[in-house]
N, C-alpha and C. Protein backbone atom coordinates (compact mmCIF):
# COMPACT_ATOMS: atom_id res chain seq x y z
N MET A 1 -23.64 -26.47 -27.85
CA MET A 1 -22.73 -26.08 -26.72
C MET A 1 -21.91 -27.29 -26.19
N PHE A 2 -20.78 -26.99 -25.78
CA PHE A 2 -19.87 -28.15 -25.33
C PHE A 2 -19.79 -27.88 -23.75
N PHE A 3 -20.02 -28.86 -22.98
CA PHE A 3 -19.84 -28.65 -21.58
C PHE A 3 -18.75 -29.77 -21.16
N MET A 4 -17.89 -29.45 -20.28
CA MET A 4 -16.92 -30.24 -19.69
C MET A 4 -17.42 -30.65 -18.35
N THR A 5 -17.55 -31.90 -18.14
CA THR A 5 -17.90 -32.17 -16.87
C THR A 5 -16.73 -32.86 -15.89
N THR A 6 -16.84 -32.49 -14.79
CA THR A 6 -15.82 -33.02 -13.77
C THR A 6 -16.12 -34.40 -13.34
N PRO A 7 -15.15 -35.23 -13.57
CA PRO A 7 -15.46 -36.69 -13.10
C PRO A 7 -15.77 -36.76 -11.60
N THR A 8 -16.72 -37.77 -11.23
CA THR A 8 -17.08 -38.01 -9.87
C THR A 8 -15.87 -38.72 -9.20
N ILE A 9 -16.02 -38.74 -8.05
CA ILE A 9 -14.83 -39.46 -7.25
C ILE A 9 -14.77 -40.95 -7.61
N GLY A 10 -15.96 -41.54 -7.71
CA GLY A 10 -15.96 -42.86 -8.16
C GLY A 10 -15.37 -43.13 -9.53
N GLN A 11 -15.63 -42.24 -10.45
CA GLN A 11 -15.04 -42.31 -11.80
C GLN A 11 -13.68 -42.15 -11.77
N LEU A 12 -13.14 -41.11 -10.92
CA LEU A 12 -11.69 -40.90 -10.76
C LEU A 12 -11.03 -42.09 -10.26
N LEU A 13 -11.61 -42.85 -9.15
CA LEU A 13 -10.97 -44.04 -8.59
C LEU A 13 -10.92 -45.13 -9.65
N ASP A 14 -12.06 -45.26 -10.31
CA ASP A 14 -12.16 -46.39 -11.35
C ASP A 14 -10.99 -46.22 -12.54
N SER A 15 -10.77 -44.92 -12.80
CA SER A 15 -9.94 -44.60 -13.91
C SER A 15 -8.44 -44.77 -13.56
N THR A 16 -8.11 -44.61 -12.17
CA THR A 16 -6.83 -44.59 -11.71
C THR A 16 -6.35 -45.82 -10.96
N VAL A 17 -7.45 -46.50 -10.50
CA VAL A 17 -7.10 -47.81 -9.63
C VAL A 17 -7.76 -49.09 -10.33
N PRO A 18 -7.17 -49.80 -11.16
CA PRO A 18 -7.79 -50.86 -11.85
C PRO A 18 -8.46 -51.82 -11.06
N MET A 19 -7.88 -52.12 -9.85
CA MET A 19 -8.57 -53.12 -8.98
C MET A 19 -10.01 -52.76 -8.40
N ALA A 20 -10.15 -51.51 -8.11
CA ALA A 20 -11.38 -50.94 -7.83
C ALA A 20 -12.35 -51.22 -9.11
N ARG A 21 -12.07 -50.85 -10.25
CA ARG A 21 -12.82 -51.11 -11.45
C ARG A 21 -13.18 -52.63 -11.68
N THR A 22 -12.12 -53.48 -11.44
CA THR A 22 -12.22 -54.82 -11.59
C THR A 22 -13.24 -55.40 -10.70
N LEU A 23 -13.37 -54.90 -9.34
CA LEU A 23 -14.42 -55.35 -8.52
C LEU A 23 -15.68 -55.00 -8.56
N LYS A 24 -15.92 -53.91 -9.59
CA LYS A 24 -17.19 -53.31 -9.94
C LYS A 24 -17.80 -52.61 -8.74
N LEU A 25 -16.95 -51.83 -7.89
CA LEU A 25 -17.45 -51.27 -6.78
C LEU A 25 -18.51 -50.28 -7.02
N ALA A 26 -19.43 -50.09 -6.29
CA ALA A 26 -20.61 -49.20 -6.41
C ALA A 26 -20.32 -48.06 -5.45
N TYR A 27 -20.36 -46.60 -5.92
CA TYR A 27 -19.99 -45.62 -5.03
C TYR A 27 -21.38 -44.82 -4.55
N LEU A 28 -21.71 -45.24 -3.47
CA LEU A 28 -23.10 -44.86 -2.95
C LEU A 28 -23.10 -43.31 -2.46
N GLU A 29 -22.00 -43.06 -1.71
CA GLU A 29 -21.75 -41.72 -1.16
C GLU A 29 -20.35 -41.43 -1.05
N THR A 30 -19.96 -40.18 -1.63
CA THR A 30 -18.45 -39.77 -1.53
C THR A 30 -18.48 -38.50 -1.13
N SER A 31 -18.43 -38.09 0.14
CA SER A 31 -18.29 -36.78 0.71
C SER A 31 -17.19 -36.61 1.71
N PRO A 32 -16.89 -35.26 2.01
CA PRO A 32 -15.95 -35.27 2.98
C PRO A 32 -16.22 -35.77 4.41
N GLU A 33 -17.63 -35.96 4.76
CA GLU A 33 -18.08 -36.38 5.89
C GLU A 33 -18.02 -38.04 5.85
N ARG A 34 -18.30 -38.69 4.84
CA ARG A 34 -18.16 -40.09 4.75
C ARG A 34 -18.27 -40.62 3.48
N ALA A 35 -17.69 -41.73 3.28
CA ALA A 35 -17.80 -42.45 1.86
C ALA A 35 -18.43 -43.90 2.17
N VAL A 36 -19.32 -44.27 1.33
CA VAL A 36 -20.05 -45.34 1.32
C VAL A 36 -19.96 -46.25 0.07
N LEU A 37 -19.29 -47.26 0.02
CA LEU A 37 -19.06 -48.24 -1.20
C LEU A 37 -19.60 -49.55 -1.08
N GLN A 38 -20.02 -50.19 -2.10
CA GLN A 38 -20.60 -51.48 -1.97
C GLN A 38 -19.96 -52.49 -2.98
N LEU A 39 -19.63 -53.66 -2.43
CA LEU A 39 -19.20 -54.75 -3.28
C LEU A 39 -20.32 -55.62 -3.64
N PRO A 40 -20.59 -55.68 -4.85
CA PRO A 40 -21.66 -56.70 -5.22
C PRO A 40 -21.24 -58.14 -5.08
N ASP A 41 -22.27 -58.97 -4.82
CA ASP A 41 -22.01 -60.31 -4.77
C ASP A 41 -21.68 -60.94 -6.07
N GLN A 42 -20.35 -61.30 -6.14
CA GLN A 42 -19.79 -61.94 -7.43
C GLN A 42 -19.06 -63.15 -7.21
N PRO A 43 -19.67 -64.30 -7.76
CA PRO A 43 -19.05 -65.54 -7.41
C PRO A 43 -17.54 -65.58 -7.71
N GLU A 44 -17.04 -64.85 -8.72
CA GLU A 44 -15.64 -64.95 -9.13
C GLU A 44 -14.71 -64.40 -8.10
N PHE A 45 -15.38 -63.59 -7.09
CA PHE A 45 -14.60 -63.18 -5.99
C PHE A 45 -14.90 -63.66 -4.59
N HIS A 46 -15.58 -64.92 -4.71
CA HIS A 46 -15.83 -65.59 -3.41
C HIS A 46 -14.54 -66.33 -2.93
N ASN A 47 -14.53 -66.65 -1.58
CA ASN A 47 -13.55 -67.38 -0.91
C ASN A 47 -14.14 -68.91 -0.67
N HIS A 48 -13.52 -69.60 -0.05
CA HIS A 48 -13.89 -71.04 0.19
C HIS A 48 -15.18 -71.39 0.83
N VAL A 49 -15.74 -70.28 1.57
CA VAL A 49 -16.97 -70.49 2.28
C VAL A 49 -18.23 -69.68 1.60
N GLY A 50 -17.95 -69.26 0.32
CA GLY A 50 -18.93 -68.67 -0.34
C GLY A 50 -19.25 -67.18 -0.26
N GLY A 51 -18.33 -66.51 0.52
CA GLY A 51 -18.61 -65.03 0.82
C GLY A 51 -17.49 -64.40 -0.02
N PRO A 52 -17.41 -62.98 0.20
CA PRO A 52 -16.39 -62.25 -0.70
C PRO A 52 -15.09 -62.62 0.09
N HIS A 53 -14.05 -62.85 -0.73
CA HIS A 53 -12.71 -63.03 -0.44
C HIS A 53 -12.13 -61.84 0.49
N ALA A 54 -11.40 -62.22 1.34
CA ALA A 54 -10.78 -61.16 2.37
C ALA A 54 -9.98 -60.15 1.40
N GLY A 55 -9.38 -60.46 0.48
CA GLY A 55 -8.70 -59.42 -0.49
C GLY A 55 -9.64 -58.47 -1.17
N ALA A 56 -10.77 -59.03 -1.47
CA ALA A 56 -11.87 -58.17 -2.04
C ALA A 56 -12.43 -57.23 -1.05
N MET A 57 -12.57 -57.87 0.15
CA MET A 57 -13.16 -56.92 1.22
C MET A 57 -12.15 -55.80 1.69
N PHE A 58 -10.79 -56.08 1.69
CA PHE A 58 -9.70 -55.16 1.92
C PHE A 58 -9.73 -54.13 0.94
N THR A 59 -9.82 -54.46 -0.25
CA THR A 59 -9.89 -53.46 -1.39
C THR A 59 -11.14 -52.59 -1.32
N LEU A 60 -12.13 -53.15 -1.03
CA LEU A 60 -13.52 -52.36 -0.80
C LEU A 60 -13.27 -51.44 0.37
N ALA A 61 -12.81 -51.68 1.38
CA ALA A 61 -12.58 -50.85 2.66
C ALA A 61 -11.47 -49.84 2.28
N GLU A 62 -10.40 -50.16 1.79
CA GLU A 62 -9.31 -49.30 1.34
C GLU A 62 -9.74 -48.31 0.34
N SER A 63 -10.52 -48.74 -0.62
CA SER A 63 -11.16 -47.74 -1.67
C SER A 63 -12.03 -46.85 -1.09
N ALA A 64 -12.98 -47.09 -0.01
CA ALA A 64 -13.70 -46.20 0.72
C ALA A 64 -12.87 -45.19 1.41
N SER A 65 -11.88 -45.64 2.09
CA SER A 65 -11.06 -44.61 2.72
C SER A 65 -10.43 -43.69 1.79
N GLY A 66 -9.94 -44.17 0.54
CA GLY A 66 -9.40 -43.39 -0.33
C GLY A 66 -10.50 -42.32 -0.97
N CYS A 67 -11.67 -42.76 -1.03
CA CYS A 67 -12.80 -41.93 -1.55
C CYS A 67 -13.01 -40.74 -0.58
N ILE A 68 -12.97 -41.04 0.66
CA ILE A 68 -13.26 -39.85 1.63
C ILE A 68 -12.05 -39.02 1.65
N VAL A 69 -10.77 -39.50 1.52
CA VAL A 69 -9.65 -38.71 1.48
C VAL A 69 -9.71 -37.87 0.11
N LEU A 70 -10.07 -38.21 -0.99
CA LEU A 70 -10.34 -37.48 -2.23
C LEU A 70 -11.43 -36.49 -1.95
N ALA A 71 -12.41 -36.81 -1.46
CA ALA A 71 -13.50 -35.84 -1.16
C ALA A 71 -13.06 -34.74 -0.17
N ALA A 72 -12.42 -34.96 0.82
CA ALA A 72 -11.99 -34.08 1.86
C ALA A 72 -10.76 -33.19 1.45
N PHE A 73 -9.93 -33.73 0.58
CA PHE A 73 -8.74 -33.03 0.18
C PHE A 73 -8.36 -32.95 -1.13
N GLY A 74 -9.49 -33.09 -1.97
CA GLY A 74 -9.39 -32.86 -3.42
C GLY A 74 -8.79 -31.50 -3.80
N ASP A 75 -9.13 -30.55 -2.91
CA ASP A 75 -8.75 -29.16 -3.31
C ASP A 75 -7.29 -28.89 -2.97
N GLN A 76 -6.68 -29.90 -2.31
CA GLN A 76 -5.18 -29.87 -1.96
C GLN A 76 -4.33 -30.55 -2.92
N LEU A 77 -4.80 -31.20 -3.86
CA LEU A 77 -4.00 -31.99 -4.87
C LEU A 77 -2.94 -31.21 -5.53
N SER A 78 -3.10 -30.08 -5.63
CA SER A 78 -2.02 -29.24 -6.51
C SER A 78 -0.82 -29.16 -5.54
N ARG A 79 -0.85 -29.29 -4.30
CA ARG A 79 0.26 -29.04 -3.49
C ARG A 79 0.73 -30.27 -2.62
N ALA A 80 -0.21 -31.35 -2.58
CA ALA A 80 0.11 -32.47 -1.73
C ALA A 80 -0.57 -33.80 -2.42
N VAL A 81 0.20 -34.85 -2.22
CA VAL A 81 -0.35 -36.16 -2.71
C VAL A 81 -0.82 -37.07 -1.48
N PRO A 82 -2.06 -37.59 -1.66
CA PRO A 82 -2.35 -38.36 -0.45
C PRO A 82 -1.80 -39.86 -0.62
N LEU A 83 -1.29 -40.35 0.50
CA LEU A 83 -0.68 -41.63 0.53
C LEU A 83 -1.19 -42.48 1.73
N ALA A 84 -1.56 -43.70 1.43
CA ALA A 84 -1.89 -44.81 2.64
C ALA A 84 -0.53 -45.01 3.20
N VAL A 85 -0.35 -44.78 4.45
CA VAL A 85 0.92 -45.21 5.24
C VAL A 85 0.73 -46.66 5.71
N SER A 86 -0.33 -47.01 6.35
CA SER A 86 -0.55 -48.28 6.85
C SER A 86 -2.09 -48.68 6.83
N ALA A 87 -2.33 -49.98 7.01
CA ALA A 87 -3.60 -50.37 7.11
C ALA A 87 -3.88 -51.59 7.91
N GLU A 88 -4.90 -51.69 8.70
CA GLU A 88 -5.18 -52.69 9.56
C GLU A 88 -6.54 -53.05 9.47
N ILE A 89 -6.78 -54.45 9.28
CA ILE A 89 -8.27 -54.98 9.19
C ILE A 89 -8.49 -56.03 10.03
N ALA A 90 -9.55 -56.04 10.61
CA ALA A 90 -10.10 -57.04 11.61
C ALA A 90 -11.42 -57.81 10.97
N TYR A 91 -11.21 -59.03 10.69
CA TYR A 91 -12.53 -59.60 10.18
C TYR A 91 -13.21 -60.28 11.32
N LYS A 92 -14.58 -59.72 11.52
CA LYS A 92 -15.36 -59.91 12.66
C LYS A 92 -16.41 -61.09 12.52
N LYS A 93 -17.05 -61.10 11.41
CA LYS A 93 -18.16 -62.12 11.05
C LYS A 93 -18.09 -62.61 9.58
N LEU A 94 -18.71 -63.74 9.42
CA LEU A 94 -18.78 -64.14 7.99
C LEU A 94 -19.52 -63.29 7.08
N ALA A 95 -19.04 -62.85 6.16
CA ALA A 95 -19.62 -61.82 5.13
C ALA A 95 -20.18 -62.76 4.09
N LYS A 96 -21.49 -62.51 3.66
CA LYS A 96 -22.13 -62.97 2.50
C LYS A 96 -23.10 -62.15 1.74
N GLY A 97 -23.12 -62.37 0.53
CA GLY A 97 -23.78 -61.38 -0.33
C GLY A 97 -23.15 -60.04 -0.57
N VAL A 98 -24.04 -59.12 -0.68
CA VAL A 98 -23.32 -57.62 -0.91
C VAL A 98 -22.89 -57.15 0.35
N VAL A 99 -21.67 -56.51 0.37
CA VAL A 99 -21.11 -56.08 1.49
C VAL A 99 -20.80 -54.49 1.27
N THR A 100 -21.09 -53.78 2.37
CA THR A 100 -20.99 -52.18 2.39
C THR A 100 -19.85 -51.75 3.17
N ALA A 101 -19.11 -50.88 2.67
CA ALA A 101 -17.99 -50.22 3.59
C ALA A 101 -18.36 -48.74 3.69
N THR A 102 -18.29 -48.21 5.02
CA THR A 102 -18.56 -46.89 5.36
C THR A 102 -17.31 -46.21 6.05
N ALA A 103 -16.68 -45.26 5.38
CA ALA A 103 -15.48 -44.70 5.81
C ALA A 103 -15.70 -43.28 6.46
N VAL A 104 -15.15 -43.05 7.67
CA VAL A 104 -15.23 -41.71 8.29
C VAL A 104 -13.79 -41.26 8.48
N LEU A 105 -13.48 -39.87 8.48
CA LEU A 105 -12.23 -39.42 8.89
C LEU A 105 -12.02 -39.46 10.34
N GLY A 106 -10.92 -39.50 10.86
CA GLY A 106 -10.66 -39.59 12.28
C GLY A 106 -10.19 -38.18 12.84
N ARG A 107 -10.08 -37.21 12.08
CA ARG A 107 -9.73 -35.98 12.54
C ARG A 107 -10.41 -34.87 11.55
N PRO A 108 -10.53 -33.74 12.11
CA PRO A 108 -11.26 -32.69 11.39
C PRO A 108 -10.41 -32.04 10.17
N VAL A 109 -11.01 -32.03 9.01
CA VAL A 109 -10.34 -31.57 7.77
C VAL A 109 -9.48 -30.28 8.05
N ALA A 110 -10.17 -29.34 8.79
CA ALA A 110 -9.31 -27.97 8.93
C ALA A 110 -8.04 -28.16 9.70
N ASP A 111 -8.06 -29.12 10.67
CA ASP A 111 -6.76 -29.33 11.34
C ASP A 111 -5.76 -29.96 10.52
N ILE A 112 -6.20 -30.78 9.74
CA ILE A 112 -5.17 -31.62 8.81
C ILE A 112 -4.70 -30.55 7.71
N VAL A 113 -5.45 -29.67 7.22
CA VAL A 113 -5.06 -28.59 6.16
C VAL A 113 -4.20 -27.54 6.96
N ALA A 114 -4.45 -27.27 8.24
CA ALA A 114 -3.66 -26.39 8.81
C ALA A 114 -2.31 -27.01 9.06
N GLU A 115 -2.09 -28.16 9.36
CA GLU A 115 -0.77 -28.71 9.40
C GLU A 115 0.03 -28.64 8.15
N LEU A 116 -0.86 -28.94 7.03
CA LEU A 116 -0.17 -28.80 5.75
C LEU A 116 0.26 -27.41 5.47
N ASP A 117 -0.63 -26.51 5.85
CA ASP A 117 -0.23 -25.03 5.63
C ASP A 117 0.92 -24.62 6.52
N ALA A 118 1.18 -25.24 7.62
CA ALA A 118 2.37 -25.04 8.42
C ALA A 118 3.69 -25.80 7.94
N GLY A 119 3.50 -26.46 6.76
CA GLY A 119 4.67 -26.92 6.20
C GLY A 119 4.92 -28.47 6.60
N GLU A 120 4.00 -29.07 7.48
CA GLU A 120 4.17 -30.25 7.90
C GLU A 120 3.50 -31.41 6.99
N ARG A 121 3.83 -32.62 7.37
CA ARG A 121 3.17 -33.77 6.51
C ARG A 121 2.24 -34.41 7.53
N PRO A 122 0.93 -33.93 7.40
CA PRO A 122 -0.01 -34.40 8.40
C PRO A 122 -0.41 -35.84 8.10
N GLU A 123 -0.59 -36.60 9.35
CA GLU A 123 -1.17 -37.99 9.16
C GLU A 123 -2.46 -37.98 9.83
N PHE A 124 -3.35 -38.86 9.40
CA PHE A 124 -4.67 -38.99 9.89
C PHE A 124 -5.38 -40.43 9.80
N PRO A 125 -6.25 -40.85 10.64
CA PRO A 125 -6.68 -42.14 10.35
C PRO A 125 -8.13 -42.04 9.67
N VAL A 126 -8.42 -43.06 9.01
CA VAL A 126 -9.87 -43.13 8.29
C VAL A 126 -10.22 -44.54 8.87
N THR A 127 -11.59 -44.67 9.65
CA THR A 127 -12.05 -45.78 10.00
C THR A 127 -13.04 -46.22 8.95
N VAL A 128 -13.12 -47.48 8.76
CA VAL A 128 -14.04 -48.18 7.75
C VAL A 128 -14.72 -49.29 8.44
N GLU A 129 -16.07 -49.17 8.44
CA GLU A 129 -16.81 -50.39 8.88
C GLU A 129 -17.45 -51.23 7.76
N ILE A 130 -17.20 -52.52 7.67
CA ILE A 130 -17.83 -53.20 6.63
C ILE A 130 -18.89 -54.09 7.17
N THR A 131 -20.13 -53.86 6.43
CA THR A 131 -21.34 -54.70 6.87
C THR A 131 -22.01 -55.38 5.81
N ARG A 132 -22.66 -56.44 6.16
CA ARG A 132 -23.34 -57.14 5.20
C ARG A 132 -24.82 -56.60 5.25
N GLU A 133 -25.59 -57.24 4.37
CA GLU A 133 -27.05 -56.54 4.09
C GLU A 133 -27.99 -56.58 5.41
N ASP A 134 -27.65 -57.65 6.28
CA ASP A 134 -28.49 -57.40 7.57
C ASP A 134 -28.04 -56.56 8.58
N GLY A 135 -26.86 -55.67 8.18
CA GLY A 135 -26.38 -54.80 9.22
C GLY A 135 -25.34 -55.21 10.08
N ALA A 136 -25.08 -56.56 10.03
CA ALA A 136 -23.86 -56.96 11.08
C ALA A 136 -22.71 -56.50 10.47
N VAL A 137 -21.69 -56.18 11.33
CA VAL A 137 -20.34 -55.82 11.11
C VAL A 137 -19.57 -56.93 10.84
N THR A 138 -19.10 -57.08 9.52
CA THR A 138 -18.21 -58.15 9.23
C THR A 138 -16.78 -57.84 9.33
N GLY A 139 -16.31 -56.54 9.35
CA GLY A 139 -14.94 -56.30 9.37
C GLY A 139 -14.85 -54.75 9.71
N ILE A 140 -13.70 -54.39 10.34
CA ILE A 140 -13.36 -53.00 10.61
C ILE A 140 -12.01 -52.72 10.03
N MET A 141 -11.69 -51.75 9.42
CA MET A 141 -10.33 -51.39 8.89
C MET A 141 -10.05 -50.00 9.40
N THR A 142 -8.69 -49.80 9.77
CA THR A 142 -8.25 -48.39 9.95
C THR A 142 -7.07 -48.20 9.03
N VAL A 143 -7.21 -47.19 8.24
CA VAL A 143 -6.05 -46.89 7.30
C VAL A 143 -5.50 -45.51 7.78
N LEU A 144 -4.13 -45.54 7.96
CA LEU A 144 -3.46 -44.37 8.15
C LEU A 144 -3.02 -43.64 6.93
N TRP A 145 -3.44 -42.35 6.76
CA TRP A 145 -3.04 -41.62 5.52
C TRP A 145 -2.32 -40.47 5.90
N THR A 146 -1.61 -39.90 4.88
CA THR A 146 -0.69 -38.83 4.95
C THR A 146 -0.99 -37.92 3.80
N LEU A 147 -0.81 -36.66 3.79
CA LEU A 147 -0.80 -35.78 2.78
C LEU A 147 0.82 -35.50 2.57
N ARG A 148 1.45 -35.80 1.58
CA ARG A 148 2.90 -35.61 1.33
C ARG A 148 2.89 -34.36 0.51
N PRO A 149 3.53 -33.38 1.06
CA PRO A 149 3.83 -31.92 0.31
C PRO A 149 4.55 -32.28 -0.94
N ASN A 150 4.04 -31.75 -2.16
CA ASN A 150 4.87 -31.68 -3.44
C ASN A 150 6.15 -31.11 -3.08
N SER A 151 7.20 -31.55 -3.84
CA SER A 151 8.46 -30.87 -3.76
C SER A 151 8.68 -29.64 -4.76
C-alpha cells in the first residue's frame, strides 16, 4: 500500500524558507494556539559575545510567528496568502546557548476569518517571546501579519 503523508508545518517551512533550514530550527510545537521553535547553539551563528547573532534570533522569532499563522490559517491558503507586514524586535538580555521562541496570536482566529469572509484584508499581531535555557526573556518580537485575498 502507498500512503501519502501531509508535511508537517516544520517540513513545509524548511522546504519553502531556506534560511529556516540553514539555521537548523527545531519545531517543538506548531498549533493554532502557539508555536514553539528552538535555535540550537551553533558557533557558526554566534555574534561577537558568543551568543546567537541578532539576525539568527530575528529569523527564529519570525519563523515561529509564521508557523502559528500556518497552523491557524492553513485551511485558508486556497483563498488568501499570509504576508508579514512589519516586525519589531527588542533584545532584552544576552542570549547564550539554545534559545526558544514561543509565538501566540494576538486576535481570535474566528474574528480574522470572519473579516476575510467579509471581503476584507485582515491584519493581526503575533507576539513572540525569546528565552534562553534558564527561562530568562532575551527578546520580544511583534510581527504584524495580513491575509491577502487571492485575486
